[in-house]
Amino acid sequence: MQETSQTTLEKSKRVDFYQVVTRKIIKHLERGEIPWRRTLKHPYIGFAKNYYSGHQYQGINWLLLNLMTSHEVPFYMTWNQIKKLGGNVLRGTKSNEVFYFNSYYRNQAGDLISVVQAQQMEARHEEVQRISYLKKHHVFNISCINGLSWEEPEEKHRNDVITHCDLILDAMKEEPIIKNQEELNAYYNPVLDHIVLPQFKVFNDPETYYLLLFHNLIHWTGNIKRLARFGIMDSTLGDQLIYTEESLIGELGACMLTAIVGIEQLTQLEEESDHVSTWIQAMEEDKRFIFRAASRAQQAVDFILGGQRG
């Protein structure tokens, strides 16, 4: 029995889902497309969640189901959940993929053991090896399901883009220090802990101002007084990968915020896009890079929104 279980686990690990997702995103970038830059189609009815369990998707799944799909209603379910509710998936429907961490355990001799056995051994201070891996599930959008009675969620307050931006800023538990200067540079200064932006009047449109503000606001969350990310805390580390990751965290976090308020961004890469080649290189060298950046970007957005999402 143990041998069969081990064989099953080894087979389940053959597909490297980190690599699958990373390659998908790299292909978009190499074609000159930024896959996460799009206006959220459902900013006023909440973020993607599992309709059956009520679980709200997070991390890489937040990115995949909120910013990289085109469904109008953000409700999803697995095949088994649909069957339990008496529904059927429409013929020809394509599923969306979501990913979760799973683990199995081995004792000191290398034998597979159960979770309970592992807990008992750890309580006795015996050596236990925990092996984590990524597991994939297929989910279907509720618009592609027949035989279910469900109500489309009511829209929350709908505001114009600028009012919505201001509401987010006004609701923050900690007010960031924003310095508007004559220079056209925009950046976050971690030493002085303030954001520097050009004056509002120099922008051709207010959306660009708020896009820059959101980008630097994400970096602001990385201060040691807040989420304490290495890319912001220590400028002497000299690790280029850390700074590349922080630049992607800023990009993803800003895209999450702009998607929420309805600011549209260019989905095509501009020739002067400095960071894209370094993002691609980092993803090729570290298959967990995009997963880590997406998770930390979401943490930054959650911090800005005060833990209130959806």
Foldseek 3Di string as FASTA:
>chain_A
DQVVVVVVVVVQQPDAVLQVVLVVQLVCVVVQFRQQFFAFLALFQFFADEPQPRGGDAFVVSSCQGRRDDDNARYKHAPVSCVVQPKDFAPPFDWGKDKDKDKWKAFPVRGTDHPVVVVVCVVVVGDMDIDIGMDMTTMGDPVRMPDHDDDGGDGHDADALVVVLVVLQVPAPDHAAEAADCDQDWAADLVVLHTYHHDCVVDPDNLVVSLSVQLRLLLSQCHPVHVVQPLRDDPPPPDVLSVLLSNLLSVNLSSVVCSSSGNGDDRGHDPPPDNSVVVSVSCVVPSCSSSVSRNSSRVSNCNSNVVDGD
